[in-house]
Amino acid sequence: MNMLRAVATVSGMTMLSRIAGLAREIIQAALFGATAQTDAFNIAFRIPNLLRRLFAEGAFSQAFVPILGEFKARRGEGETHALIDDTATVLIIVLAGITLAGVVGAPLLVWLLASGLGGRQGEFDLAVLLTRIMFPYILFISLVAAASGVLNTWRKFAVPAFTPVLLNLSIISCALLLSPHLQTPIVSLAIGVALGGVLQLALQVPALVKLGLLPRLRWNVRRAYADPGVRRILRQMGPAVLGVSVAQVSLVINVNIATWLGPGSVSWLSYADRLMEFPTALLGAALGTILTPSLAEARARSDESAYAVLLDWGLRLAFVLALPCAVALILIAAPITATLFERGAFSADDVVKTQQAVIAYGVGLIGLTLVKILAPGFYARQDIRTPVKIAIGVLVATQLMNCLFVPIFAHAGLALSTSLGACVNALLLFTGLRRRGALALQPGWGRFFARLMLGLLALGAVLWWCSAQIDWTALRAQPWLRVGALAALIALATTVYLLVLYLVGMRLKDFTRRI
């Protein structure tokens, strides 16, 4: 398998998802702006998303994929299929109970996540209603995560990467078609989320059937739970849940703080987060998706050399792709925010406040990307405890930085603390892998960074100078012209960046790797 081609496939599909997600945010901004109601939706949506990261794409995937990869490499087809069947059975039983508890306990969950809404009863009640509508999403998206883990292990990356597009399309469709007919129009977004979970799971089923890997649910739950592979997954999930919980606790604290900073703060951070997640998903998530099963198989073969080379390859590709995105987010945050969101109910003041958060997130983009590459280096070795210890330290550091930055930068201080915390996290993960001998850097890193810096300097100069020549405020009345100007600026800067890298000797073949 060509690793670069696999990354390109996942990134391409992910780009479709992020474009759809960006369109969703643009439509949401135009229809609902950054108001108390959008704050209520963003808070409610974070609850199933928090649990999704906790039980599905987070802890479950970290435990399931390496063990499944080991079974595929070392065990027979029968044992591997049995592991998939038993895991799916236990997962559905547990998730059904969590979903029921979440619907019943929605008021408590909203209060825990956003205590600042306690004095705004209408907003609090709306958040509770939206949470109850969206909570079944956690059941479907967790099953999607399990299916994606299976498909990725069998090197079928395209379908799992495309799946999130359906969620965004569902939300967009409901916002446009249902909102005019509802007494509380923003409820349409919650309905779109619930429907999107069903659609995402439905898309995975044919791919699993084609591989002959569609889980057969066990009627004997006790027997499924007794499966040694399932027991191992559950044991690994213990520290994994703790590790993901640490990150989610930080998110809960940040959202809680934002609810005390006034209406709009949660929404400004949410819109900025969407822009930041665009490159992190295209780069970090795609690389992590490709590397995790490959690292697990290298570990199962006891091939430490291949293990180290895979991580080195991922790091170099991350620096080449993520650093220019970070420079762009910092230097042209205002044009990007205004071009994408400034219309309808989204005001000029909303642009300024969102832009501040975008710049703060840009500072930590490289850290956020590297974490998604370095953490699988531990997960594939079935070492989840070390990332947990690091995450706990980062949580403490992030909240200490909040005490410093929030009084100065308000909501943008939360984004800045998150960014710097991600950079600390990446540095500690890198150091941990080096100490274990799992990451032996290949020769040529000094020359690599020297070439990269020349490209980044050229990129930054083009973005800074050209952006200063355009009156973005005057283009407000001509939105399509502003879109064209931004697209041309990004295209020019990208061309200059790639040309400089080519002139200093960096070639595409340097990143082509087969396994």
Protein backbone atom coordinates (compact mmCIF):
# COMPACT_ATOMS: atom_id res chain seq x y z
CA MET A 1 0.00 0.00 0.00
CA ASN A 2 1.29 3.45 -0.92
CA MET A 3 1.13 5.42 2.32
CA LEU A 4 1.06 8.85 0.67
CA ARG A 5 -1.75 7.75 -1.63
CA ALA A 6 -3.68 6.39 1.34
CA VAL A 7 -3.25 9.71 3.17
CA ALA A 8 -4.37 11.55 0.04
CA THR A 9 -7.48 9.35 -0.16
CA VAL A 10 -8.44 9.89 3.47
CA SER A 11 -7.61 13.61 3.27
CA GLY A 12 -9.68 13.97 0.09
CA MET A 13 -12.71 12.36 1.66
CA THR A 14 -12.14 14.30 4.86
CA MET A 15 -11.94 17.50 2.84
CA LEU A 16 -15.41 16.79 1.46
CA SER A 17 -16.61 16.35 5.03
CA ARG A 18 -14.96 19.57 6.20
CA ILE A 19 -16.29 21.52 3.22
CA ALA A 20 -19.76 20.24 4.08
CA GLY A 21 -19.11 21.11 7.73
CA LEU A 22 -17.97 24.59 6.76
CA ALA A 23 -21.09 25.02 4.63
CA ARG A 24 -23.11 23.92 7.64
CA GLU A 25 -21.46 26.56 9.83
CA ILE A 26 -21.95 29.25 7.18
CA ILE A 27 -25.65 28.43 6.88
CA GLN A 28 -26.00 28.24 10.66
CA ALA A 29 -24.27 31.62 11.04
CA ALA A 30 -26.50 33.21 8.41
CA LEU A 31 -29.74 31.76 9.83
CA PHE A 32 -29.06 32.03 13.56
CA GLY A 33 -25.94 34.22 14.02
CA ALA A 34 -24.03 34.07 17.33
CA THR A 35 -26.83 34.37 19.88
CA ALA A 36 -28.07 32.81 23.11
CA GLN A 37 -29.95 30.19 21.05
CA THR A 38 -26.84 29.18 19.09
CA ASP A 39 -24.97 28.99 22.38
CA ALA A 40 -27.67 26.59 23.63
CA PHE A 41 -27.31 24.42 20.52
CA ASN A 42 -23.51 24.38 20.67
CA ILE A 43 -23.62 23.41 24.34
CA ALA A 44 -26.19 20.68 23.71
CA PHE A 45 -24.23 19.35 20.71
CA ARG A 46 -21.06 19.16 22.80
CA ILE A 47 -22.65 16.64 25.17
CA PRO A 48 -23.09 13.75 22.67
CA ASN A 49 -19.84 14.87 21.00
CA LEU A 50 -18.07 14.65 24.35
CA LEU A 51 -19.35 11.12 24.88
CA ARG A 52 -18.55 10.23 21.27
CA ARG A 53 -14.93 11.15 21.88
CA LEU A 54 -14.99 9.41 25.23
CA PHE A 55 -16.54 6.06 24.27
CA ALA A 56 -16.40 5.88 20.49
CA GLU A 57 -13.69 7.54 18.43
CA GLY A 58 -11.60 8.09 21.54
CA ALA A 59 -11.20 5.35 24.13
CA PHE A 60 -12.90 2.59 22.16
CA SER A 61 -10.90 3.12 18.97
CA GLN A 62 -7.64 3.42 20.89
CA ALA A 63 -8.26 0.03 22.52
CA PHE A 64 -10.07 -1.78 19.69
CA VAL A 65 -7.96 -1.05 16.58
CA PRO A 66 -4.55 -2.25 17.91
CA ILE A 67 -6.04 -5.47 19.31
CA LEU A 68 -8.04 -6.08 16.13
CA GLY A 69 -4.86 -5.49 14.12
CA GLU A 70 -3.04 -8.04 16.28
CA PHE A 71 -5.82 -10.61 15.76
CA LYS A 72 -5.73 -10.01 12.01
CA ALA A 73 -1.95 -10.43 11.88
CA ARG A 74 -1.58 -13.38 14.28
CA ARG A 75 -4.91 -15.17 14.69
CA GLY A 76 -7.06 -16.99 12.21
CA GLU A 77 -10.07 -15.60 10.36
CA GLY A 78 -12.50 -17.34 12.71
CA GLU A 79 -11.10 -15.78 15.90
CA THR A 80 -10.94 -12.34 14.29
CA HIS A 81 -14.58 -12.48 13.17
CA ALA A 82 -15.64 -13.73 16.59
CA LEU A 83 -13.89 -10.75 18.18
CA ILE A 84 -15.82 -8.36 15.92
CA ASP A 85 -19.14 -10.09 16.70
CA ASP A 86 -18.63 -10.13 20.46
CA THR A 87 -17.34 -6.56 20.59
CA ALA A 88 -20.35 -5.26 18.67
CA THR A 89 -22.74 -7.12 20.97
CA VAL A 90 -21.25 -5.70 24.16
CA LEU A 91 -20.97 -2.23 22.61
CA ILE A 92 -24.67 -2.06 21.70
CA ILE A 93 -25.82 -3.17 25.17
CA VAL A 94 -23.62 -0.62 26.94
CA LEU A 95 -24.51 2.22 24.57
CA ALA A 96 -28.24 1.60 24.82
CA GLY A 97 -28.00 2.06 28.59
CA ILE A 98 -25.87 5.23 28.24
CA THR A 99 -28.34 6.69 25.74
CA LEU A 100 -31.34 6.08 27.99
CA ALA A 101 -29.52 7.59 30.98
CA GLY A 102 -28.50 10.60 28.91
CA VAL A 103 -32.02 11.39 27.77
CA VAL A 104 -33.35 11.15 31.33
CA GLY A 105 -30.45 13.06 32.90
CA ALA A 106 -30.18 15.82 30.29
CA PRO A 107 -30.85 18.69 32.77
CA LEU A 108 -27.99 17.56 35.00
CA LEU A 109 -25.64 17.17 32.03
CA VAL A 110 -26.44 20.66 30.74
CA TRP A 111 -25.90 22.16 34.18
CA LEU A 112 -22.55 20.38 34.56
CA LEU A 113 -21.36 21.53 31.13
CA ALA A 114 -22.72 25.08 31.24
CA SER A 115 -23.43 26.29 34.75
CA GLY A 116 -23.45 29.85 33.44
CA LEU A 117 -26.86 29.15 31.87
CA GLY A 118 -28.41 28.66 35.31
CA GLY A 119 -29.51 32.27 35.44
CA ARG A 120 -30.90 32.23 31.90
CA GLN A 121 -33.82 29.79 32.24
CA GLY A 122 -35.06 29.97 28.66
CA GLU A 123 -31.63 29.21 27.27
CA PHE A 124 -31.12 26.41 29.80
CA ASP A 125 -34.47 24.75 28.93
CA LEU A 126 -33.69 24.99 25.22
CA ALA A 127 -30.29 23.34 25.76
CA VAL A 128 -31.99 20.49 27.67
CA LEU A 129 -34.52 19.94 24.86
CA LEU A 130 -31.81 19.93 22.19
CA THR A 131 -29.69 17.52 24.25
CA ARG A 132 -32.56 15.04 24.50
CA ILE A 133 -33.19 15.16 20.76
CA MET A 134 -29.53 14.65 19.91
CA PHE A 135 -28.50 12.13 22.56
CA PRO A 136 -29.31 8.97 20.52
CA TYR A 137 -26.56 10.18 18.18
CA ILE A 138 -24.02 8.71 20.61
CA LEU A 139 -25.44 5.21 20.03
CA PHE A 140 -25.21 5.40 16.24
CA ILE A 141 -21.87 7.21 16.02
CA SER A 142 -20.25 4.72 18.41
CA LEU A 143 -21.31 1.88 16.13
CA VAL A 144 -19.96 3.91 13.22
CA ALA A 145 -16.62 4.17 15.06
CA ALA A 146 -16.52 0.39 15.52
CA ALA A 147 -17.30 -0.18 11.84
CA SER A 148 -14.67 2.38 10.84
CA GLY A 149 -12.08 0.60 12.98
CA VAL A 150 -12.78 -2.64 11.15
CA LEU A 151 -12.69 -1.04 7.69
CA ASN A 152 -9.49 0.90 8.42
CA THR A 153 -7.78 -2.26 9.68
CA TRP A 154 -8.62 -3.89 6.35
CA ARG A 155 -7.21 -0.78 4.57
CA LYS A 156 -10.63 0.38 3.36
CA PHE A 157 -10.19 4.03 4.30
CA ALA A 158 -12.49 5.81 1.85
CA VAL A 159 -15.92 4.93 3.29
CA PRO A 160 -15.09 5.80 6.93
CA ALA A 161 -13.50 9.07 5.81
CA PHE A 162 -16.55 10.01 3.71
CA THR A 163 -19.10 9.09 6.38
CA PRO A 164 -19.07 12.46 8.27
CA VAL A 165 -20.26 14.19 5.09
CA LEU A 166 -23.68 12.68 5.71
CA LEU A 167 -23.95 14.26 9.15
CA ASN A 168 -23.26 17.71 7.74
CA LEU A 169 -25.62 17.24 4.81
CA SER A 170 -28.34 16.08 7.19
CA ILE A 171 -27.95 19.16 9.41
CA ILE A 172 -27.90 21.50 6.39
CA SER A 173 -31.02 19.91 4.89
CA CYS A 174 -32.95 20.09 8.16
CA ALA A 175 -31.87 23.69 8.78
CA LEU A 176 -33.06 24.81 5.36
CA LEU A 177 -36.20 22.67 5.06
CA LEU A 178 -37.47 22.31 8.64
CA SER A 179 -36.51 25.53 10.42
CA PRO A 180 -39.15 27.71 8.67
CA HIS A 181 -41.89 25.36 9.91
CA LEU A 182 -40.83 25.02 13.56
CA GLN A 183 -41.87 27.22 16.46
CA THR A 184 -38.24 27.17 17.63
CA PRO A 185 -36.29 27.03 14.35
CA ILE A 186 -32.94 26.02 15.88
CA VAL A 187 -34.49 22.67 16.88
CA SER A 188 -34.06 21.73 13.22
CA LEU A 189 -30.29 21.48 13.79
CA ALA A 190 -30.78 18.92 16.57
CA ILE A 191 -33.09 16.84 14.38
CA GLY A 192 -30.42 16.94 11.66
CA VAL A 193 -27.79 15.59 14.09
CA ALA A 194 -29.98 12.64 15.15
CA LEU A 195 -30.85 11.78 11.55
CA GLY A 196 -27.19 12.13 10.52
CA GLY A 197 -26.15 9.43 12.99
CA VAL A 198 -28.57 6.97 11.40
CA LEU A 199 -27.36 7.81 7.87
CA GLN A 200 -23.69 7.41 8.80
CA LEU A 201 -24.26 3.93 10.20
CA ALA A 202 -26.33 2.93 7.17
CA LEU A 203 -23.45 3.89 4.84
CA GLN A 204 -21.00 1.58 6.64
CA VAL A 205 -23.17 -1.54 6.41
CA PRO A 206 -22.68 -2.35 2.67
CA ALA A 207 -18.88 -1.98 3.00
CA LEU A 208 -18.84 -4.44 5.92
CA VAL A 209 -21.10 -6.86 4.05
CA LYS A 210 -18.78 -6.76 1.02
CA LEU A 211 -15.85 -7.79 3.22
CA GLY A 212 -17.92 -10.42 5.01
CA LEU A 213 -17.33 -8.60 8.29
CA LEU A 214 -20.82 -7.42 9.23
CA PRO A 215 -21.12 -8.25 12.95
CA ARG A 216 -23.47 -11.04 13.96
CA LEU A 217 -24.93 -10.06 17.31
CA ARG A 218 -24.81 -12.70 20.04
CA TRP A 219 -27.99 -13.61 21.84
CA ASN A 220 -25.83 -14.85 24.70
CA VAL A 221 -24.43 -11.57 26.04
CA ARG A 222 -22.55 -13.33 28.82
CA ARG A 223 -20.68 -15.39 26.25
CA ALA A 224 -19.82 -12.27 24.25
CA TYR A 225 -18.51 -10.55 27.38
CA ALA A 226 -16.42 -13.64 28.21
CA ASP A 227 -14.48 -13.38 24.91
CA PRO A 228 -10.78 -12.91 25.89
CA GLY A 229 -10.33 -10.31 23.13
CA VAL A 230 -13.31 -8.31 24.39
CA ARG A 231 -11.93 -8.51 27.94
CA ARG A 232 -8.61 -7.13 26.70
CA ILE A 233 -10.37 -4.29 24.87
CA LEU A 234 -12.33 -3.40 28.00
CA ARG A 235 -9.16 -3.48 30.12
CA GLN A 236 -7.43 -1.19 27.64
CA MET A 237 -10.45 1.08 27.56
CA GLY A 238 -10.10 1.74 31.30
CA PRO A 239 -6.98 3.92 31.05
CA ALA A 240 -8.08 5.11 27.59
CA VAL A 241 -11.35 6.44 29.02
CA LEU A 242 -9.37 8.18 31.73
CA GLY A 243 -7.05 9.71 29.14
CA VAL A 244 -9.84 10.94 26.89
CA SER A 245 -11.77 12.07 29.96
CA VAL A 246 -8.92 14.36 30.90
CA ALA A 247 -9.15 16.11 27.53
CA GLN A 248 -12.93 16.30 27.78
CA VAL A 249 -12.76 17.67 31.32
CA SER A 250 -10.63 20.48 29.92
CA LEU A 251 -13.28 21.08 27.25
CA VAL A 252 -16.08 21.09 29.83
CA ILE A 253 -14.20 23.60 31.95
CA ASN A 254 -13.58 25.84 28.94
CA VAL A 255 -17.23 25.76 27.87
CA ASN A 256 -18.29 26.50 31.43
CA ILE A 257 -15.96 29.49 31.58
CA ALA A 258 -17.23 30.70 28.20
CA THR A 259 -20.84 30.67 29.43
CA TRP A 260 -19.82 33.21 32.08
CA LEU A 261 -18.22 35.53 29.52
CA GLY A 262 -21.54 36.61 28.01
CA PRO A 263 -23.85 35.57 25.13
CA GLY A 264 -22.00 34.69 21.94
CA SER A 265 -18.76 33.51 23.56
CA VAL A 266 -19.52 29.80 23.11
CA SER A 267 -20.53 30.39 19.50
CA TRP A 268 -17.45 32.49 18.63
CA LEU A 269 -15.25 29.68 19.92
CA SER A 270 -17.32 27.11 18.04
CA TYR A 271 -16.99 28.92 14.70
CA ALA A 272 -13.24 29.37 15.25
CA ASP A 273 -12.91 25.74 16.25
CA ARG A 274 -14.52 24.74 12.95
CA LEU A 275 -11.84 26.64 11.03
CA MET A 276 -9.09 25.10 13.15
CA GLU A 277 -10.49 21.58 12.75
CA PHE A 278 -10.44 21.90 8.97
CA PRO A 279 -6.63 21.42 8.69
CA THR A 280 -6.31 19.22 11.80
CA ALA A 281 -8.81 16.73 10.37
CA LEU A 282 -7.31 16.84 6.88
CA LEU A 283 -3.79 16.32 8.19
CA GLY A 284 -3.59 15.00 11.76
CA ALA A 285 -6.70 12.82 11.73
CA ALA A 286 -5.90 11.44 8.28
CA LEU A 287 -2.33 10.58 9.25
CA GLY A 288 -3.48 9.07 12.53
CA THR A 289 -6.06 6.94 10.73
CA ILE A 290 -3.44 5.58 8.32
CA LEU A 291 -0.67 5.13 10.87
CA THR A 292 -2.56 3.38 13.68
CA PRO A 293 -3.26 0.02 11.93
CA SER A 294 0.16 0.11 10.22
CA LEU A 295 1.95 0.72 13.51
CA ALA A 296 -0.10 -2.01 15.20
CA GLU A 297 0.89 -4.54 12.54
CA ALA A 298 4.57 -3.51 12.70
CA ARG A 299 4.42 -3.97 16.46
CA ALA A 300 2.74 -7.37 16.07
CA ARG A 301 5.63 -8.41 13.79
CA SER A 302 8.15 -6.99 16.33
CA ASP A 303 9.52 -4.83 13.50
CA GLU A 304 10.80 -1.87 15.52
CA SER A 305 12.67 -0.42 12.55
CA ALA A 306 9.51 -0.15 10.44
CA TYR A 307 7.71 1.25 13.50
CA ALA A 308 10.23 4.07 13.92
CA VAL A 309 10.35 4.88 10.21
CA LEU A 310 6.55 5.13 10.02
CA LEU A 311 6.48 7.68 12.86
CA ASP A 312 9.35 9.66 11.32
CA TRP A 313 7.50 9.77 7.98
CA GLY A 314 4.31 10.95 9.66
CA LEU A 315 6.09 13.74 11.55
CA ARG A 316 7.80 15.12 8.44
CA LEU A 317 4.60 15.13 6.45
CA ALA A 318 2.79 16.84 9.34
CA PHE A 319 5.32 19.66 9.51
CA VAL A 320 5.22 20.23 5.74
CA LEU A 321 1.42 20.42 5.65
CA ALA A 322 0.40 21.80 9.06
CA LEU A 323 2.85 24.68 9.52
CA PRO A 324 1.72 26.60 6.40
CA CYS A 325 -1.90 26.20 7.53
CA ALA A 326 -0.97 27.65 10.93
CA VAL A 327 0.76 30.62 9.30
CA ALA A 328 -2.32 31.26 7.15
CA LEU A 329 -4.75 31.07 10.11
CA ILE A 330 -2.67 33.61 12.03
CA LEU A 331 -1.93 36.08 9.21
CA ILE A 332 -5.27 36.14 7.39
CA ALA A 333 -7.71 35.21 10.17
CA ALA A 334 -9.80 38.33 9.55
CA PRO A 335 -10.31 37.81 5.77
CA ILE A 336 -11.08 34.12 6.28
CA THR A 337 -13.62 34.75 9.05
CA ALA A 338 -15.32 37.65 7.27
CA THR A 339 -15.49 35.86 3.92
CA LEU A 340 -16.97 32.68 5.34
CA PHE A 341 -19.35 33.95 8.01
CA GLU A 342 -20.17 37.68 7.67
CA ARG A 343 -23.69 37.61 6.30
CA GLY A 344 -27.24 37.48 7.61
CA ALA A 345 -27.36 37.44 11.40
CA PHE A 346 -23.56 37.25 11.73
CA SER A 347 -22.38 40.80 12.48
CA ALA A 348 -19.08 42.65 12.05
CA ASP A 349 -18.52 42.39 15.80
CA ASP A 350 -18.97 38.62 15.56
CA VAL A 351 -16.26 38.61 12.88
CA VAL A 352 -13.81 40.42 15.19
CA LYS A 353 -14.52 38.13 18.15
CA THR A 354 -14.30 34.95 16.05
CA GLN A 355 -11.11 36.18 14.36
CA GLN A 356 -9.42 36.58 17.74
CA ALA A 357 -10.16 32.95 18.60
CA VAL A 358 -8.97 31.78 15.16
CA ILE A 359 -5.57 33.43 15.68
CA ALA A 360 -5.27 31.84 19.12
CA TYR A 361 -6.11 28.40 17.74
CA GLY A 362 -3.61 28.90 14.90
CA VAL A 363 -0.80 29.14 17.45
CA GLY A 364 -1.40 25.53 18.48
CA LEU A 365 -2.31 23.97 15.14
CA ILE A 366 1.00 22.16 14.81
CA GLY A 367 0.68 20.80 18.35
CA LEU A 368 -2.87 19.58 17.76
CA THR A 369 -1.72 17.86 14.54
CA LEU A 370 1.35 16.22 16.05
CA VAL A 371 -0.65 14.80 18.97
CA LYS A 372 -2.80 12.86 16.49
CA ILE A 373 0.38 11.28 15.07
CA LEU A 374 2.40 10.73 18.24
CA ALA A 375 -0.40 9.33 20.43
CA PRO A 376 -0.98 6.32 18.09
CA GLY A 377 2.71 5.55 18.65
CA PHE A 378 1.73 4.62 22.22
CA TYR A 379 -1.67 3.10 21.40
CA ALA A 380 -0.19 0.69 18.85
CA ARG A 381 2.15 -0.56 21.58
CA GLN A 382 -0.96 -0.96 23.78
CA ASP A 383 0.53 1.61 26.13
CA ILE A 384 -2.34 3.93 27.01
CA ARG A 385 -1.20 4.82 30.51
CA THR A 386 1.65 7.08 29.42
CA PRO A 387 -0.56 9.37 27.27
CA VAL A 388 -3.01 9.46 30.21
CA LYS A 389 -0.33 10.71 32.61
CA ILE A 390 0.74 13.31 30.07
CA ALA A 391 -2.86 14.39 29.49
CA ILE A 392 -3.42 14.94 33.22
CA GLY A 393 -0.36 17.19 33.39
CA VAL A 394 -1.52 19.10 30.29
CA LEU A 395 -4.99 19.57 31.83
CA VAL A 396 -3.46 21.23 34.89
CA ALA A 397 -1.18 23.38 32.75
CA THR A 398 -4.06 24.44 30.47
CA GLN A 399 -6.23 25.57 33.37
CA LEU A 400 -3.35 27.50 34.92
CA MET A 401 -2.92 29.25 31.57
CA ASN A 402 -6.66 30.00 31.56
CA CYS A 403 -6.19 31.87 34.84
CA LEU A 404 -3.58 34.01 33.09
CA PHE A 405 -5.05 34.48 29.61
CA VAL A 406 -8.85 34.66 30.09
CA PRO A 407 -8.75 37.92 32.13
CA ILE A 408 -6.62 39.45 29.34
CA PHE A 409 -8.08 37.97 26.13
CA ALA A 410 -11.58 36.81 27.29
CA HIS A 411 -12.88 33.96 25.07
CA ALA A 412 -9.72 34.04 22.91
CA GLY A 413 -7.73 33.28 26.06
CA LEU A 414 -9.49 29.90 26.26
CA ALA A 415 -8.41 29.13 22.70
CA LEU A 416 -4.84 30.24 23.40
CA SER A 417 -4.58 28.03 26.49
CA THR A 418 -5.88 25.07 24.49
CA SER A 419 -3.32 25.71 21.75
CA LEU A 420 -0.34 26.00 24.07
CA GLY A 421 -1.53 22.95 26.00
CA ALA A 422 -1.59 20.94 22.74
CA CYS A 423 2.01 21.98 22.00
CA VAL A 424 3.09 20.86 25.48
CA ASN A 425 1.22 17.58 24.96
CA ALA A 426 2.98 16.94 21.65
CA LEU A 427 6.40 17.70 23.13
CA LEU A 428 5.86 15.31 26.05
CA LEU A 429 4.56 12.52 23.77
CA PHE A 430 7.57 12.99 21.50
CA THR A 431 9.96 12.82 24.44
CA GLY A 432 8.24 9.70 25.79
CA LEU A 433 8.52 7.84 22.48
CA ARG A 434 12.18 8.81 22.15
CA ARG A 435 12.96 7.51 25.63
CA ARG A 436 11.32 4.17 24.81
CA GLY A 437 13.31 3.86 21.60
CA ALA A 438 10.08 3.76 19.57
CA LEU A 439 10.95 6.91 17.63
CA ALA A 440 14.40 6.91 16.10
CA LEU A 441 14.60 10.02 13.92
CA GLN A 442 16.01 9.36 10.48
CA PRO A 443 18.97 11.40 9.15
CA GLY A 444 18.43 14.79 7.51
CA TRP A 445 16.10 16.61 9.93
CA GLY A 446 18.33 19.70 10.08
CA ARG A 447 18.34 20.09 6.30
CA PHE A 448 14.62 19.34 6.23
CA PHE A 449 13.79 22.16 8.67
CA ALA A 450 16.08 24.65 6.90
CA ARG A 451 14.26 24.05 3.61
CA LEU A 452 10.89 24.18 5.31
CA MET A 453 11.62 27.54 6.98
CA LEU A 454 12.49 29.11 3.62
CA GLY A 455 9.16 27.96 2.23
CA LEU A 456 7.26 29.27 5.26
CA LEU A 457 8.99 32.67 5.07
CA ALA A 458 7.98 33.00 1.43
CA LEU A 459 4.41 31.90 2.22
CA GLY A 460 4.10 34.37 5.10
CA ALA A 461 5.48 37.25 3.05
CA VAL A 462 2.96 36.66 0.25
CA LEU A 463 0.02 36.37 2.64
CA TRP A 464 0.99 39.46 4.66
CA TRP A 465 1.76 41.76 1.73
CA CYS A 466 -1.07 40.74 -0.58
CA SER A 467 -3.68 40.76 2.17
CA ALA A 468 -2.66 44.31 3.11
CA GLN A 469 -3.34 45.46 -0.46
CA ILE A 470 -6.99 44.36 -0.36
CA ASP A 471 -9.72 46.35 1.39
CA TRP A 472 -11.67 43.42 2.79
CA THR A 473 -14.22 45.68 4.48
CA ALA A 474 -15.09 47.38 1.19
CA LEU A 475 -15.73 43.96 -0.35
CA ARG A 476 -18.46 43.22 2.20
CA ALA A 477 -21.11 44.34 -0.27
CA GLN A 478 -19.64 42.03 -2.94
CA PRO A 479 -19.42 38.65 -1.20
CA TRP A 480 -18.52 36.61 -4.27
CA LEU A 481 -15.74 39.02 -5.17
CA ARG A 482 -14.42 38.64 -1.61
CA VAL A 483 -14.57 34.85 -1.95
CA GLY A 484 -12.63 35.08 -5.22
CA ALA A 485 -10.01 37.38 -3.69
CA LEU A 486 -9.47 35.04 -0.74
CA ALA A 487 -9.26 31.96 -2.98
CA ALA A 488 -6.75 33.71 -5.27
CA LEU A 489 -4.64 34.80 -2.29
CA ILE A 490 -4.53 31.27 -0.84
CA ALA A 491 -3.78 29.75 -4.26
CA LEU A 492 -0.93 32.23 -4.88
CA ALA A 493 0.60 31.68 -1.44
CA THR A 494 0.35 27.89 -1.80
CA THR A 495 2.01 28.00 -5.22
CA VAL A 496 4.86 30.15 -3.91
CA TYR A 497 5.33 27.83 -0.92
CA LEU A 498 5.49 24.68 -3.03
CA LEU A 499 7.74 26.36 -5.62
CA VAL A 500 10.25 27.45 -2.96
CA LEU A 501 10.27 23.93 -1.48
CA TYR A 502 10.93 22.53 -4.95
CA LEU A 503 13.74 25.02 -5.64
CA VAL A 504 15.52 24.14 -2.39
CA GLY A 505 15.42 20.44 -3.24
CA MET A 506 12.34 19.01 -1.54
CA ARG A 507 10.54 16.45 -3.73
CA LEU A 508 7.27 14.51 -3.56
CA LYS A 509 9.20 11.24 -3.69
CA ASP A 510 10.72 12.15 -0.32
CA PHE A 511 7.32 11.39 1.25
CA THR A 512 6.35 8.37 -0.85
CA ARG A 513 6.41 5.23 1.27
CA ARG A 514 5.02 1.78 0.73
CA ILE A 515 4.17 -0.85 3.34
